[in-house]
Amino acid sequence: MLVRFVFADEQGEKRRPVLVLSTDAYHAGRAEVVVAAITGNVGRLLPGDCPVREWRKAGLAKPSVATGILRTIKGRMIDSRLGALPAADLKAVEACVRTTLGL
């Protein structure tokens, strides 16, 4: 998904890719969506980060990392859908999120 993120100083915004982590059942009862930020900065992996191996199949423009930065956003912030992670990448991200959250 592409999401409109407002800068920390609230002086602008930028469209950024995210991975939706929350389920349809979650969305049915809430106006929010739980996401993981995606970055093109693949040269630096921090705890909780997970490289997206098949980034082209996922609809991303360049090599990317699903970060350990988890955030809740309003559904209205979503601009468009890019694609979907292939099963192997999704499984890897799930393992990273579980580790990050201590589950």
PDB file of N, CA and C in Angstrom:
ATOM      1  N   MET A   1       0.841  -1.172   0.000  1.00  0.00           N
ATOM      2  CA  MET A   1       0.000   0.000   0.000  1.00  0.00           C
ATOM      3  C   MET A   1       0.889   1.239   0.000  1.00  0.00           C
ATOM      4  N   LEU A   2       0.412   2.274  -0.612  1.00  0.00           N
ATOM      5  CA  LEU A   2       1.052   3.581  -0.511  1.00  0.00           C
ATOM      6  C   LEU A   2       0.240   4.416   0.468  1.00  0.00           C
ATOM      7  N   VAL A   3       0.949   5.037   1.399  1.00  0.00           N
ATOM      8  CA  VAL A   3       0.309   5.785   2.472  1.00  0.00           C
ATOM      9  C   VAL A   3       0.862   7.197   2.509  1.00  0.00           C
ATOM     10  N   ARG A   4       0.006   8.162   2.775  1.00  0.00           N
ATOM     11  CA  ARG A   4       0.436   9.551   2.947  1.00  0.00           C
ATOM     12  C   ARG A   4       0.873   9.752   4.390  1.00  0.00           C
ATOM     13  N   PHE A   5       2.186   9.854   4.613  1.00  0.00           N
ATOM     14  CA  PHE A   5       2.720  10.104   5.942  1.00  0.00           C
ATOM     15  C   PHE A   5       3.008  11.589   6.101  1.00  0.00           C
ATOM     16  N   VAL A   6       2.548  12.165   7.180  1.00  0.00           N
ATOM     17  CA  VAL A   6       2.846  13.555   7.499  1.00  0.00           C
ATOM     18  C   VAL A   6       4.201  13.589   8.189  1.00  0.00           C
ATOM     19  N   PHE A   7       5.058  14.560   7.804  1.00  0.00           N
ATOM     20  CA  PHE A   7       6.364  14.711   8.430  1.00  0.00           C
ATOM     21  C   PHE A   7       6.201  15.034   9.911  1.00  0.00           C
ATOM     22  N   ALA A   8       7.217  14.711  10.698  1.00  0.00           N
ATOM     23  CA  ALA A   8       7.171  14.928  12.142  1.00  0.00           C
ATOM     24  C   ALA A   8       6.900  16.386  12.495  1.00  0.00           C
ATOM     25  N   ASP A   9       7.392  17.322  11.680  1.00  0.00           N
ATOM     26  CA  ASP A   9       7.162  18.745  11.954  1.00  0.00           C
ATOM     27  C   ASP A   9       5.828  19.235  11.387  1.00  0.00           C
ATOM     28  N   GLU A  10       5.069  18.328  10.803  1.00  0.00           N
ATOM     29  CA  GLU A  10       3.751  18.589  10.233  1.00  0.00           C
ATOM     30  C   GLU A  10       3.778  19.655   9.131  1.00  0.00           C
ATOM     31  N   GLN A  11       4.917  19.797   8.461  1.00  0.00           N
ATOM     32  CA  GLN A  11       5.065  20.793   7.407  1.00  0.00           C
ATOM     33  C   GLN A  11       5.023  20.171   6.019  1.00  0.00           C
ATOM     34  N   GLY A  12       4.491  19.005   5.893  1.00  0.00           N
ATOM     35  CA  GLY A  12       4.379  18.355   4.603  1.00  0.00           C
ATOM     36  C   GLY A  12       4.110  16.878   4.781  1.00  0.00           C
ATOM     37  N   GLU A  13       4.049  16.201   3.664  1.00  0.00           N
ATOM     38  CA  GLU A  13       3.809  14.760   3.699  1.00  0.00           C
ATOM     39  C   GLU A  13       4.491  14.100   2.524  1.00  0.00           C
ATOM     40  N   LYS A  14       4.660  12.788   2.628  1.00  0.00           N
ATOM     41  CA  LYS A  14       5.291  12.020   1.568  1.00  0.00           C
ATOM     42  C   LYS A  14       4.572  10.684   1.469  1.00  0.00           C
ATOM     43  N   ARG A  15       4.411  10.221   0.250  1.00  0.00           N
ATOM     44  CA  ARG A  15       3.818   8.897   0.051  1.00  0.00           C
ATOM     45  C   ARG A  15       4.898   7.843   0.247  1.00  0.00           C
ATOM     46  N   ARG A  16       4.613   6.868   1.105  1.00  0.00           N
ATOM     47  CA  ARG A  16       5.563   5.821   1.439  1.00  0.00           C
ATOM     48  C   ARG A  16       4.879   4.462   1.343  1.00  0.00           C
ATOM     49  N   PRO A  17       5.617   3.427   0.952  1.00  0.00           N
ATOM     50  CA  PRO A  17       5.026   2.082   0.956  1.00  0.00           C
ATOM     51  C   PRO A  17       4.994   1.506   2.375  1.00  0.00           C
ATOM     52  N   VAL A  18       3.961   0.732   2.644  1.00  0.00           N
ATOM     53  CA  VAL A  18       3.820   0.028   3.918  1.00  0.00           C
ATOM     54  C   VAL A  18       3.288  -1.369   3.654  1.00  0.00           C
ATOM     55  N   LEU A  19       3.468  -2.230   4.627  1.00  0.00           N
ATOM     56  CA  LEU A  19       2.891  -3.565   4.597  1.00  0.00           C
ATOM     57  C   LEU A  19       1.776  -3.603   5.629  1.00  0.00           C
ATOM     58  N   VAL A  20       0.571  -3.915   5.201  1.00  0.00           N
ATOM     59  CA  VAL A  20      -0.554  -4.034   6.129  1.00  0.00           C
ATOM     60  C   VAL A  20      -0.410  -5.336   6.905  1.00  0.00           C
ATOM     61  N   LEU A  21      -0.426  -5.231   8.236  1.00  0.00           N
ATOM     62  CA  LEU A  21      -0.289  -6.398   9.105  1.00  0.00           C
ATOM     63  C   LEU A  21      -1.617  -6.827   9.711  1.00  0.00           C
ATOM     64  N   SER A  22      -2.553  -5.905   9.840  1.00  0.00           N
ATOM     65  CA  SER A  22      -3.824  -6.225  10.473  1.00  0.00           C
ATOM     66  C   SER A  22      -4.754  -6.960   9.510  1.00  0.00           C
ATOM     67  N   THR A  23      -5.732  -7.619  10.090  1.00  0.00           N
ATOM     68  CA  THR A  23      -6.634  -8.495   9.331  1.00  0.00           C
ATOM     69  C   THR A  23      -7.931  -7.784   8.940  1.00  0.00           C
ATOM     70  N   ASP A  24      -8.659  -8.392   8.030  1.00  0.00           N
ATOM     71  CA  ASP A  24      -9.969  -7.866   7.640  1.00  0.00           C
ATOM     72  C   ASP A  24     -10.905  -7.799   8.842  1.00  0.00           C
ATOM     73  N   ALA A  25     -10.831  -8.799   9.730  1.00  0.00           N
ATOM     74  CA  ALA A  25     -11.677  -8.801  10.928  1.00  0.00           C
ATOM     75  C   ALA A  25     -11.351  -7.600  11.812  1.00  0.00           C
ATOM     76  N   TYR A  26     -10.078  -7.271  11.936  1.00  0.00           N
ATOM     77  CA  TYR A  26      -9.649  -6.096  12.700  1.00  0.00           C
ATOM     78  C   TYR A  26     -10.218  -4.829  12.059  1.00  0.00           C
ATOM     79  N   HIS A  27     -10.110  -4.734  10.731  1.00  0.00           N
ATOM     80  CA  HIS A  27     -10.576  -3.547  10.015  1.00  0.00           C
ATOM     81  C   HIS A  27     -12.092  -3.378  10.106  1.00  0.00           C
ATOM     82  N   ALA A  28     -12.817  -4.480  10.244  1.00  0.00           N
ATOM     83  CA  ALA A  28     -14.279  -4.402  10.302  1.00  0.00           C
ATOM     84  C   ALA A  28     -14.756  -3.632  11.527  1.00  0.00           C
ATOM     85  N   GLY A  29     -13.964  -3.666  12.594  1.00  0.00           N
ATOM     86  CA  GLY A  29     -14.380  -3.009  13.820  1.00  0.00           C
ATOM     87  C   GLY A  29     -13.648  -1.719  14.128  1.00  0.00           C
ATOM     88  N   ARG A  30     -12.672  -1.356  13.311  1.00  0.00           N
ATOM     89  CA  ARG A  30     -11.862  -0.171  13.592  1.00  0.00           C
ATOM     90  C   ARG A  30     -11.615   0.633  12.323  1.00  0.00           C
ATOM     91  N   ALA A  31     -11.326   1.898  12.496  1.00  0.00           N
ATOM     92  CA  ALA A  31     -11.002   2.780  11.361  1.00  0.00           C
ATOM     93  C   ALA A  31      -9.495   2.796  11.108  1.00  0.00           C
ATOM     94  N   GLU A  32      -8.741   2.075  11.942  1.00  0.00           N
ATOM     95  CA  GLU A  32      -7.286   2.060  11.826  1.00  0.00           C
ATOM     96  C   GLU A  32      -6.782   0.794  11.149  1.00  0.00           C
ATOM     97  N   VAL A  33      -5.531   0.893  10.675  1.00  0.00           N
ATOM     98  CA  VAL A  33      -4.837  -0.221  10.031  1.00  0.00           C
ATOM     99  C   VAL A  33      -3.454  -0.310  10.663  1.00  0.00           C
ATOM    100  N   VAL A  34      -3.026  -1.514  11.016  1.00  0.00           N
ATOM    101  CA  VAL A  34      -1.685  -1.711  11.575  1.00  0.00           C
ATOM    102  C   VAL A  34      -0.740  -2.028  10.417  1.00  0.00           C
ATOM    103  N   VAL A  35       0.353  -1.267  10.321  1.00  0.00           N
ATOM    104  CA  VAL A  35       1.275  -1.411   9.197  1.00  0.00           C
ATOM    105  C   VAL A  35       2.718  -1.492   9.681  1.00  0.00           C
ATOM    106  N   ALA A  36       3.557  -2.027   8.809  1.00  0.00           N
ATOM    107  CA  ALA A  36       5.012  -1.977   8.978  1.00  0.00           C
ATOM    108  C   ALA A  36       5.545  -1.072   7.875  1.00  0.00           C
ATOM    109  N   ALA A  37       6.404  -0.152   8.232  1.00  0.00           N
ATOM    110  CA  ALA A  37       7.004   0.742   7.236  1.00  0.00           C
ATOM    111  C   ALA A  37       7.920  -0.058   6.318  1.00  0.00           C
ATOM    112  N   ILE A  38       7.987   0.346   5.067  1.00  0.00           N
ATOM    113  CA  ILE A  38       8.892  -0.273   4.092  1.00  0.00           C
ATOM    114  C   ILE A  38       9.874   0.800   3.639  1.00  0.00           C
ATOM    115  N   THR A  39      11.141   0.426   3.571  1.00  0.00           N
ATOM    116  CA  THR A  39      12.178   1.368   3.155  1.00  0.00           C
ATOM    117  C   THR A  39      13.013   0.783   2.025  1.00  0.00           C
ATOM    118  N   GLY A  40      13.574   1.666   1.230  1.00  0.00           N
ATOM    119  CA  GLY A  40      14.505   1.261   0.182  1.00  0.00           C
ATOM    120  C   GLY A  40      15.940   1.255   0.675  1.00  0.00           C
ATOM    121  N   ASN A  41      16.146   1.589   1.945  1.00  0.00           N
ATOM    122  CA  ASN A  41      17.484   1.581   2.535  1.00  0.00           C
ATOM    123  C   ASN A  41      17.832   0.148   2.939  1.00  0.00           C
ATOM    124  N   VAL A  42      18.358  -0.599   1.977  1.00  0.00           N
ATOM    125  CA  VAL A  42      18.648  -2.019   2.207  1.00  0.00           C
ATOM    126  C   VAL A  42      20.056  -2.245   2.747  1.00  0.00           C
ATOM    127  N   GLY A  43      20.844  -1.205   2.855  1.00  0.00           N
ATOM    128  CA  GLY A  43      22.227  -1.337   3.310  1.00  0.00           C
ATOM    129  C   GLY A  43      22.380  -1.381   4.807  1.00  0.00           C
ATOM    130  N   ARG A  44      21.299  -1.148   5.531  1.00  0.00           N
ATOM    131  CA  ARG A  44      21.372  -1.111   6.990  1.00  0.00           C
ATOM    132  C   ARG A  44      20.175  -1.847   7.561  1.00  0.00           C
ATOM    133  N   LEU A  45      20.404  -3.034   8.089  1.00  0.00           N
ATOM    134  CA  LEU A  45      19.327  -3.799   8.711  1.00  0.00           C
ATOM    135  C   LEU A  45      19.406  -3.624  10.216  1.00  0.00           C
ATOM    136  N   LEU A  46      18.314  -3.168  10.794  1.00  0.00           N
ATOM    137  CA  LEU A  46      18.219  -2.988  12.236  1.00  0.00           C
ATOM    138  C   LEU A  46      17.357  -4.102  12.821  1.00  0.00           C
ATOM    139  N   PRO A  47      17.378  -4.271  14.147  1.00  0.00           N
ATOM    140  CA  PRO A  47      16.526  -5.299  14.749  1.00  0.00           C
ATOM    141  C   PRO A  47      15.072  -5.130  14.315  1.00  0.00           C
ATOM    142  N   GLY A  48      14.468  -6.227  13.917  1.00  0.00           N
ATOM    143  CA  GLY A  48      13.084  -6.219  13.466  1.00  0.00           C
ATOM    144  C   GLY A  48      12.914  -6.020  11.976  1.00  0.00           C
ATOM    145  N   ASP A  49      13.997  -5.655  11.267  1.00  0.00           N
ATOM    146  CA  ASP A  49      13.920  -5.445   9.822  1.00  0.00           C
ATOM    147  C   ASP A  49      13.991  -6.775   9.082  1.00  0.00           C
ATOM    148  N   CYS A  50      13.288  -6.852   7.957  1.00  0.00           N
ATOM    149  CA  CYS A  50      13.231  -8.080   7.176  1.00  0.00           C
ATOM    150  C   CYS A  50      13.320  -7.745   5.684  1.00  0.00           C
ATOM    151  N   PRO A  51      14.392  -8.168   5.021  1.00  0.00           N
ATOM    152  CA  PRO A  51      14.505  -7.893   3.581  1.00  0.00           C
ATOM    153  C   PRO A  51      13.359  -8.527   2.796  1.00  0.00           C
ATOM    154  N   VAL A  52      12.864  -7.816   1.807  1.00  0.00           N
ATOM    155  CA  VAL A  52      11.837  -8.344   0.908  1.00  0.00           C
ATOM    156  C   VAL A  52      12.584  -8.925  -0.287  1.00  0.00           C
ATOM    157  N   ARG A  53      12.667 -10.224  -0.357  1.00  0.00           N
ATOM    158  CA  ARG A  53      13.444 -10.900  -1.401  1.00  0.00           C
ATOM    159  C   ARG A  53      12.825 -10.717  -2.788  1.00  0.00           C
ATOM    160  N   GLU A  54      11.527 -10.895  -2.864  1.00  0.00           N
ATOM    161  CA  GLU A  54      10.851 -10.799  -4.164  1.00  0.00           C
ATOM    162  C   GLU A  54      10.112  -9.465  -4.265  1.00  0.00           C
ATOM    163  N   TRP A  55      10.875  -8.388  -4.171  1.00  0.00           N
ATOM    164  CA  TRP A  55      10.311  -7.043  -4.129  1.00  0.00           C
ATOM    165  C   TRP A  55       9.569  -6.678  -5.414  1.00  0.00           C
ATOM    166  N   ARG A  56      10.026  -7.157  -6.547  1.00  0.00           N
ATOM    167  CA  ARG A  56       9.314  -6.856  -7.804  1.00  0.00           C
ATOM    168  C   ARG A  56       7.915  -7.478  -7.796  1.00  0.00           C
ATOM    169  N   LYS A  57       7.839  -8.750  -7.375  1.00  0.00           N
ATOM    170  CA  LYS A  57       6.537  -9.424  -7.310  1.00  0.00           C
ATOM    171  C   LYS A  57       5.595  -8.739  -6.323  1.00  0.00           C
ATOM    172  N   ALA A  58       6.179  -8.071  -5.323  1.00  0.00           N
ATOM    173  CA  ALA A  58       5.371  -7.376  -4.325  1.00  0.00           C
ATOM    174  C   ALA A  58       4.891  -6.011  -4.822  1.00  0.00           C
ATOM    175  N   GLY A  59       5.348  -5.606  -6.003  1.00  0.00           N
ATOM    176  CA  GLY A  59       4.927  -4.327  -6.561  1.00  0.00           C
ATOM    177  C   GLY A  59       5.770  -3.149  -6.105  1.00  0.00           C
ATOM    178  N   LEU A  60       6.937  -3.431  -5.516  1.00  0.00           N
ATOM    179  CA  LEU A  60       7.813  -2.361  -5.045  1.00  0.00           C
ATOM    180  C   LEU A  60       8.739  -1.904  -6.170  1.00  0.00           C
ATOM    181  N   ALA A  61       9.120  -0.646  -6.142  1.00  0.00           N
ATOM    182  CA  ALA A  61       9.913  -0.054  -7.219  1.00  0.00           C
ATOM    183  C   ALA A  61      11.387  -0.400  -7.161  1.00  0.00           C
ATOM    184  N   LYS A  62      11.869  -0.807  -5.988  1.00  0.00           N
ATOM    185  CA  LYS A  62      13.296  -1.102  -5.829  1.00  0.00           C
ATOM    186  C   LYS A  62      13.485  -2.069  -4.669  1.00  0.00           C
ATOM    187  N   PRO A  63      14.690  -2.629  -4.518  1.00  0.00           N
ATOM    188  CA  PRO A  63      14.936  -3.512  -3.372  1.00  0.00           C
ATOM    189  C   PRO A  63      14.498  -2.821  -2.081  1.00  0.00           C
ATOM    190  N   SER A  64      13.858  -3.586  -1.207  1.00  0.00           N
ATOM    191  CA  SER A  64      13.232  -2.987  -0.030  1.00  0.00           C
ATOM    192  C   SER A  64      13.348  -3.858   1.202  1.00  0.00           C
ATOM    193  N   VAL A  65      13.078  -3.236   2.333  1.00  0.00           N
ATOM    194  CA  VAL A  65      13.079  -3.893   3.629  1.00  0.00           C
ATOM    195  C   VAL A  65      11.777  -3.540   4.343  1.00  0.00           C
ATOM    196  N   ALA A  66      11.086  -4.554   4.869  1.00  0.00           N
ATOM    197  CA  ALA A  66       9.959  -4.309   5.766  1.00  0.00           C
ATOM    198  C   ALA A  66      10.581  -4.068   7.133  1.00  0.00           C
ATOM    199  N   THR A  67      10.378  -2.875   7.669  1.00  0.00           N
ATOM    200  CA  THR A  67      11.082  -2.506   8.896  1.00  0.00           C
ATOM    201  C   THR A  67      10.347  -2.969  10.148  1.00  0.00           C
ATOM    202  N   GLY A  68      11.048  -2.905  11.245  1.00  0.00           N
ATOM    203  CA  GLY A  68      10.469  -3.179  12.552  1.00  0.00           C
ATOM    204  C   GLY A  68       9.690  -1.995  13.088  1.00  0.00           C
ATOM    205  N   ILE A  69       9.502  -0.973  12.252  1.00  0.00           N
ATOM    206  CA  ILE A  69       8.717   0.201  12.645  1.00  0.00           C
ATOM    207  C   ILE A  69       7.254  -0.116  12.383  1.00  0.00           C
ATOM    208  N   LEU A  70       6.535  -0.415  13.445  1.00  0.00           N
ATOM    209  CA  LEU A  70       5.119  -0.772  13.354  1.00  0.00           C
ATOM    210  C   LEU A  70       4.304   0.432  13.790  1.00  0.00           C
ATOM    211  N   ARG A  71       3.217   0.669  13.073  1.00  0.00           N
ATOM    212  CA  ARG A  71       2.450   1.879  13.311  1.00  0.00           C
ATOM    213  C   ARG A  71       0.982   1.616  13.033  1.00  0.00           C
ATOM    214  N   THR A  72       0.129   2.332  13.731  1.00  0.00           N
ATOM    215  CA  THR A  72      -1.296   2.299  13.464  1.00  0.00           C
ATOM    216  C   THR A  72      -1.647   3.594  12.747  1.00  0.00           C
ATOM    217  N   ILE A  73      -2.316   3.467  11.611  1.00  0.00           N
ATOM    218  CA  ILE A  73      -2.701   4.642  10.823  1.00  0.00           C
ATOM    219  C   ILE A  73      -4.201   4.595  10.555  1.00  0.00           C
ATOM    220  N   LYS A  74      -4.760   5.720  10.197  1.00  0.00           N
ATOM    221  CA  LYS A  74      -6.163   5.766   9.785  1.00  0.00           C
ATOM    222  C   LYS A  74      -6.275   5.176   8.382  1.00  0.00           C
ATOM    223  N   GLY A  75      -7.299   4.409   8.136  1.00  0.00           N
ATOM    224  CA  GLY A  75      -7.503   3.803   6.831  1.00  0.00           C
ATOM    225  C   GLY A  75      -7.546   4.815   5.705  1.00  0.00           C
ATOM    226  N   ARG A  76      -8.015   6.014   5.991  1.00  0.00           N
ATOM    227  CA  ARG A  76      -8.112   7.052   4.962  1.00  0.00           C
ATOM    228  C   ARG A  76      -6.748   7.551   4.492  1.00  0.00           C
ATOM    229  N   MET A  77      -5.685   7.205   5.223  1.00  0.00           N
ATOM    230  CA  MET A  77      -4.334   7.612   4.827  1.00  0.00           C
ATOM    231  C   MET A  77      -3.805   6.765   3.668  1.00  0.00           C
ATOM    232  N   ILE A  78      -4.457   5.653   3.377  1.00  0.00           N
ATOM    233  CA  ILE A  78      -4.011   4.763   2.306  1.00  0.00           C
ATOM    234  C   ILE A  78      -4.429   5.350   0.964  1.00  0.00           C
ATOM    235  N   ASP A  79      -3.447   5.543   0.090  1.00  0.00           N
ATOM    236  CA  ASP A  79      -3.713   6.096  -1.236  1.00  0.00           C
ATOM    237  C   ASP A  79      -4.024   5.016  -2.265  1.00  0.00           C
ATOM    238  N   SER A  80      -3.198   3.972  -2.300  1.00  0.00           N
ATOM    239  CA  SER A  80      -3.392   2.939  -3.318  1.00  0.00           C
ATOM    240  C   SER A  80      -2.699   1.648  -2.904  1.00  0.00           C
ATOM    241  N   ARG A  81      -3.061   0.595  -3.590  1.00  0.00           N
ATOM    242  CA  ARG A  81      -2.453  -0.711  -3.342  1.00  0.00           C
ATOM    243  C   ARG A  81      -1.365  -0.948  -4.375  1.00  0.00           C
ATOM    244  N   LEU A  82      -0.211  -1.441  -3.916  1.00  0.00           N
ATOM    245  CA  LEU A  82       0.899  -1.740  -4.812  1.00  0.00           C
ATOM    246  C   LEU A  82       0.875  -3.186  -5.273  1.00  0.00           C
ATOM    247  N   GLY A  83       0.666  -4.090  -4.356  1.00  0.00           N
ATOM    248  CA  GLY A  83       0.709  -5.512  -4.667  1.00  0.00           C
ATOM    249  C   GLY A  83       0.621  -6.293  -3.370  1.00  0.00           C
ATOM    250  N   ALA A  84       1.169  -7.492  -3.390  1.00  0.00           N
ATOM    251  CA  ALA A  84       1.156  -8.352  -2.208  1.00  0.00           C
ATOM    252  C   ALA A  84       2.483  -9.080  -2.105  1.00  0.00           C
ATOM    253  N   LEU A  85       2.917  -9.318  -0.882  1.00  0.00           N
ATOM    254  CA  LEU A  85       4.150 -10.070  -0.681  1.00  0.00           C
ATOM    255  C   LEU A  85       3.935 -11.529  -1.041  1.00  0.00           C
ATOM    256  N   PRO A  86       4.881 -12.139  -1.753  1.00  0.00           N
ATOM    257  CA  PRO A  86       4.811 -13.577  -1.973  1.00  0.00           C
ATOM    258  C   PRO A  86       4.865 -14.315  -0.627  1.00  0.00           C
ATOM    259  N   ALA A  87       4.368 -15.531  -0.599  1.00  0.00           N
ATOM    260  CA  ALA A  87       4.235 -16.295   0.641  1.00  0.00           C
ATOM    261  C   ALA A  87       5.536 -16.403   1.439  1.00  0.00           C
ATOM    262  N   ALA A  88       6.654 -16.647   0.775  1.00  0.00           N
ATOM    263  CA  ALA A  88       7.925 -16.803   1.498  1.00  0.00           C
ATOM    264  C   ALA A  88       8.326 -15.508   2.186  1.00  0.00           C
ATOM    265  N   ASP A  89       8.154 -14.376   1.510  1.00  0.00           N
ATOM    266  CA  ASP A  89       8.465 -13.084   2.133  1.00  0.00           C
ATOM    267  C   ASP A  89       7.510 -12.788   3.279  1.00  0.00           C
ATOM    268  N   LEU A  90       6.252 -13.101   3.100  1.00  0.00           N
ATOM    269  CA  LEU A  90       5.269 -12.856   4.154  1.00  0.00           C
ATOM    270  C   LEU A  90       5.595 -13.675   5.397  1.00  0.00           C
ATOM    271  N   LYS A  91       5.996 -14.909   5.191  1.00  0.00           N
ATOM    272  CA  LYS A  91       6.363 -15.777   6.317  1.00  0.00           C
ATOM    273  C   LYS A  91       7.586 -15.212   7.047  1.00  0.00           C
ATOM    274  N   ALA A  92       8.562 -14.712   6.301  1.00  0.00           N
ATOM    275  CA  ALA A  92       9.753 -14.127   6.917  1.00  0.00           C
ATOM    276  C   ALA A  92       9.400 -12.876   7.715  1.00  0.00           C
ATOM    277  N   VAL A  93       8.536 -12.024   7.162  1.00  0.00           N
ATOM    278  CA  VAL A  93       8.116 -10.816   7.879  1.00  0.00           C
ATOM    279  C   VAL A  93       7.355 -11.196   9.139  1.00  0.00           C
ATOM    280  N   GLU A  94       6.495 -12.193   9.049  1.00  0.00           N
ATOM    281  CA  GLU A  94       5.743 -12.647  10.218  1.00  0.00           C
ATOM    282  C   GLU A  94       6.701 -13.070  11.336  1.00  0.00           C
ATOM    283  N   ALA A  95       7.752 -13.794  10.987  1.00  0.00           N
ATOM    284  CA  ALA A  95       8.729 -14.226  11.987  1.00  0.00           C
ATOM    285  C   ALA A  95       9.445 -13.019  12.594  1.00  0.00           C
ATOM    286  N   CYS A  96       9.788 -12.040  11.786  1.00  0.00           N
ATOM    287  CA  CYS A  96      10.440 -10.830  12.296  1.00  0.00           C
ATOM    288  C   CYS A  96       9.525 -10.069  13.245  1.00  0.00           C
ATOM    289  N   VAL A  97       8.232  -9.943  12.898  1.00  0.00           N
ATOM    290  CA  VAL A  97       7.291  -9.232  13.743  1.00  0.00           C
ATOM    291  C   VAL A  97       7.111  -9.971  15.068  1.00  0.00           C
ATOM    292  N   ARG A  98       7.006 -11.281  15.010  1.00  0.00           N
ATOM    293  CA  ARG A  98       6.871 -12.075  16.245  1.00  0.00           C
ATOM    294  C   ARG A  98       8.072 -11.869  17.161  1.00  0.00           C
ATOM    295  N   THR A  99       9.259 -11.869  16.581  1.00  0.00           N
ATOM    296  CA  THR A  99      10.472 -11.654  17.369  1.00  0.00           C
ATOM    297  C   THR A  99      10.493 -10.255  17.963  1.00  0.00           C
ATOM    298  N   THR A 100      10.141  -9.270  17.139  1.00  0.00           N
ATOM    299  CA  THR A 100      10.131  -7.875  17.591  1.00  0.00           C
ATOM    300  C   THR A 100       9.183  -7.684  18.770  1.00  0.00           C
ATOM    301  N   LEU A 101       8.022  -8.301  18.701  1.00  0.00           N
ATOM    302  CA  LEU A 101       7.009  -8.137  19.743  1.00  0.00           C
ATOM    303  C   LEU A 101       7.142  -9.145  20.886  1.00  0.00           C
ATOM    304  N   GLY A 102       8.086 -10.060  20.764  1.00  0.00           N
ATOM    305  CA  GLY A 102       8.286 -11.055  21.811  1.00  0.00           C
ATOM    306  C   GLY A 102       7.158 -12.061  21.901  1.00  0.00           C
ATOM    307  N   LEU A 103       6.601 -12.437  20.757  1.00  0.00           N
ATOM    308  CA  LEU A 103       5.477 -13.394  20.728  1.00  0.00           C
ATOM    309  C   LEU A 103       5.931 -14.800  20.462  1.00  0.00           C
TER     310      LEU A 103
END
